[in-house]
Amino acid sequence: MAASLYDNIRLDTALAGILPVQTWEVNAEGYRDQNYVPIVTRRSITGQLHVHRTMDPDAPTAPYQLTDRNYELILTRAEYEAVRLLVGKILYFMPHVRDEADVAYRSVVVLVSVSEAMPFDPMLTYWRCAVHLQSADNNVVDT
């Protein structure tokens, strides 16, 4: 089956089958990927630039590329307090574009930060906040 576009992400420490239990509604306009390669540059005593980068173990000639994900969540005040408790935890994650029957779409991330909640509607029923997720593959999920 092909991947589908959802209006939520799955992010939790617990699994129901292959799926992270908790879903969080996302604002499509607030989504942003940031791809980068861990690089360190140094100059030698002669002034020559030396570039040190992490290479992909599966393709030794290619640099290892990491992805940080940034989402804008739309949630109630109680949900905001719940997501704040997840900061710093290593979690199971499925993005908003996924095939829920395919475990390949599930990864492990660390929730790096949650921004301050801002009102989303005039009645103050829903709030919006930005979350920063960083790849944490090969780490054990917190319980």
Protein backbone atom coordinates (compact mmCIF):
# COMPACT_ATOMS: atom_id res chain seq x y z
CA MET A 1 0.00 0.00 0.00
CA ALA A 2 1.20 3.53 -0.72
CA ALA A 3 1.78 6.22 1.85
CA SER A 4 -1.15 8.52 2.63
CA LEU A 5 -1.30 12.10 3.89
CA TYR A 6 -2.70 12.45 7.41
CA ASP A 7 -3.56 15.52 9.47
CA ASN A 8 -1.66 14.11 12.45
CA ILE A 9 1.62 12.59 13.52
CA ARG A 10 2.06 9.58 15.80
CA LEU A 11 4.44 10.21 18.71
CA ASP A 12 4.57 8.13 21.87
CA THR A 13 6.68 5.86 24.09
CA ALA A 14 4.15 3.01 23.74
CA LEU A 15 3.12 0.96 20.72
CA ALA A 16 -0.23 -0.54 19.71
CA GLY A 17 0.94 -3.24 17.32
CA ILE A 18 3.43 -1.36 15.11
CA LEU A 19 1.88 2.09 15.67
CA PRO A 20 2.78 4.66 18.32
CA VAL A 21 -0.36 5.06 20.45
CA GLN A 22 -0.75 8.87 20.75
CA THR A 23 -1.68 11.04 17.76
CA TRP A 24 -1.13 14.79 17.59
CA GLU A 25 -2.96 17.04 15.12
CA VAL A 26 -0.62 19.07 12.92
CA ASN A 27 -0.91 22.28 10.92
CA ALA A 28 0.35 21.52 7.40
CA GLU A 29 1.70 25.06 7.00
CA GLY A 30 3.89 24.62 10.09
CA TYR A 31 5.85 21.61 8.81
CA ARG A 32 9.56 21.91 7.98
CA ASP A 33 12.34 19.36 7.47
CA GLN A 34 15.94 20.30 8.08
CA ASN A 35 18.52 17.97 6.50
CA TYR A 36 22.16 18.18 7.50
CA VAL A 37 25.43 16.26 7.61
CA PRO A 38 27.55 16.31 10.79
CA ILE A 39 30.65 18.20 9.65
CA VAL A 40 33.64 19.62 11.50
CA THR A 41 36.17 21.82 9.70
CA ARG A 42 39.62 22.70 11.00
CA ARG A 43 42.61 24.56 9.57
CA SER A 44 46.03 22.99 9.80
CA ILE A 45 49.10 24.98 10.83
CA THR A 46 49.78 25.58 7.13
CA GLY A 47 46.28 26.98 6.59
CA GLN A 48 44.90 24.01 4.67
CA LEU A 49 41.24 23.26 5.38
CA HIS A 50 40.50 19.76 6.68
CA VAL A 51 36.88 18.58 6.46
CA HIS A 52 35.75 15.77 8.78
CA ARG A 53 32.29 14.32 8.20
CA THR A 54 30.40 11.21 9.19
CA MET A 55 30.04 8.75 6.33
CA ASP A 56 27.00 6.54 5.77
CA PRO A 57 27.84 2.96 6.83
CA ASP A 58 25.55 1.59 4.08
CA ALA A 59 27.16 3.73 1.35
CA PRO A 60 30.76 4.51 2.41
CA THR A 61 31.25 7.13 -0.32
CA ALA A 62 28.24 9.21 0.78
CA PRO A 63 28.02 11.50 3.83
CA TYR A 64 25.53 10.41 6.51
CA GLN A 65 22.53 12.73 6.29
CA LEU A 66 20.38 13.43 9.35
CA THR A 67 16.92 14.96 9.39
CA ASP A 68 15.36 17.18 12.03
CA ARG A 69 11.61 17.60 11.79
CA ASN A 70 9.69 20.65 12.92
CA TYR A 71 5.90 20.55 13.23
CA GLU A 72 3.27 22.96 14.41
CA LEU A 73 0.79 21.08 16.59
CA ILE A 74 -2.82 22.11 17.15
CA LEU A 75 -4.01 20.96 20.55
CA THR A 76 -6.09 21.66 23.62
CA ARG A 77 -4.48 23.15 26.68
CA ALA A 78 -4.44 19.72 28.39
CA GLU A 79 -2.76 18.15 25.35
CA TYR A 80 -0.17 20.95 25.41
CA GLU A 81 0.68 20.12 29.01
CA ALA A 82 0.96 16.43 28.04
CA VAL A 83 3.33 17.09 25.11
CA ARG A 84 5.53 19.29 27.32
CA LEU A 85 6.10 16.28 29.58
CA LEU A 86 7.64 14.42 26.61
CA VAL A 87 10.48 16.94 26.09
CA GLY A 88 13.82 15.17 26.26
CA LYS A 89 12.32 11.71 25.87
CA ILE A 90 13.19 9.23 23.13
CA LEU A 91 9.95 8.30 21.35
CA TYR A 92 8.49 6.24 18.52
CA PHE A 93 7.47 8.51 15.63
CA MET A 94 5.47 8.24 12.41
CA PRO A 95 5.28 11.37 10.19
CA HIS A 96 2.16 12.88 8.67
CA VAL A 97 2.89 11.10 5.36
CA ARG A 98 2.89 7.38 6.16
CA ASP A 99 1.52 3.91 5.51
CA GLU A 100 0.18 2.73 8.86
CA ALA A 101 0.58 -0.92 7.81
CA ASP A 102 4.31 -0.52 7.08
CA VAL A 103 6.78 -0.48 9.98
CA ALA A 104 9.35 1.20 7.69
CA TYR A 105 7.58 4.54 8.30
CA ARG A 106 8.20 4.28 12.06
CA SER A 107 11.39 5.77 13.44
CA VAL A 108 12.86 6.80 16.77
CA VAL A 109 13.25 10.49 17.62
CA VAL A 110 13.99 12.68 20.59
CA LEU A 111 11.61 15.55 21.33
CA VAL A 112 14.11 18.39 21.65
CA SER A 113 11.81 21.32 22.38
CA VAL A 114 8.23 22.56 22.55
CA SER A 115 7.52 26.23 22.01
CA GLU A 116 5.17 28.39 24.04
CA ALA A 117 1.48 27.74 23.31
CA MET A 118 -0.24 30.47 21.27
CA PRO A 119 -4.03 30.76 20.85
CA PHE A 120 -5.30 29.15 17.65
CA ASP A 121 -8.93 30.25 17.91
CA PRO A 122 -10.63 33.23 19.61
CA MET A 123 -12.47 30.96 22.08
CA LEU A 124 -9.12 29.62 23.41
CA THR A 125 -10.29 26.04 22.82
CA TYR A 126 -7.29 25.14 20.69
CA TRP A 127 -3.68 26.24 20.90
CA ARG A 128 -0.71 25.89 18.59
CA CYS A 129 2.90 25.20 19.40
CA ALA A 130 6.02 24.21 17.50
CA VAL A 131 7.86 20.98 18.28
CA HIS A 132 11.40 20.07 17.22
CA LEU A 133 12.10 16.37 16.66
CA GLN A 134 15.61 15.07 16.11
CA SER A 135 16.52 11.65 14.70
CA ALA A 136 17.54 9.19 17.42
CA ASP A 137 17.78 5.94 15.48
CA ASN A 138 19.56 3.06 17.27
CA ASN A 139 18.51 4.41 20.67
CA VAL A 140 16.19 2.68 23.16
CA VAL A 141 12.78 4.31 23.56
CA ASP A 142 12.01 5.66 27.04
CA THR A 143 9.24 3.96 28.97
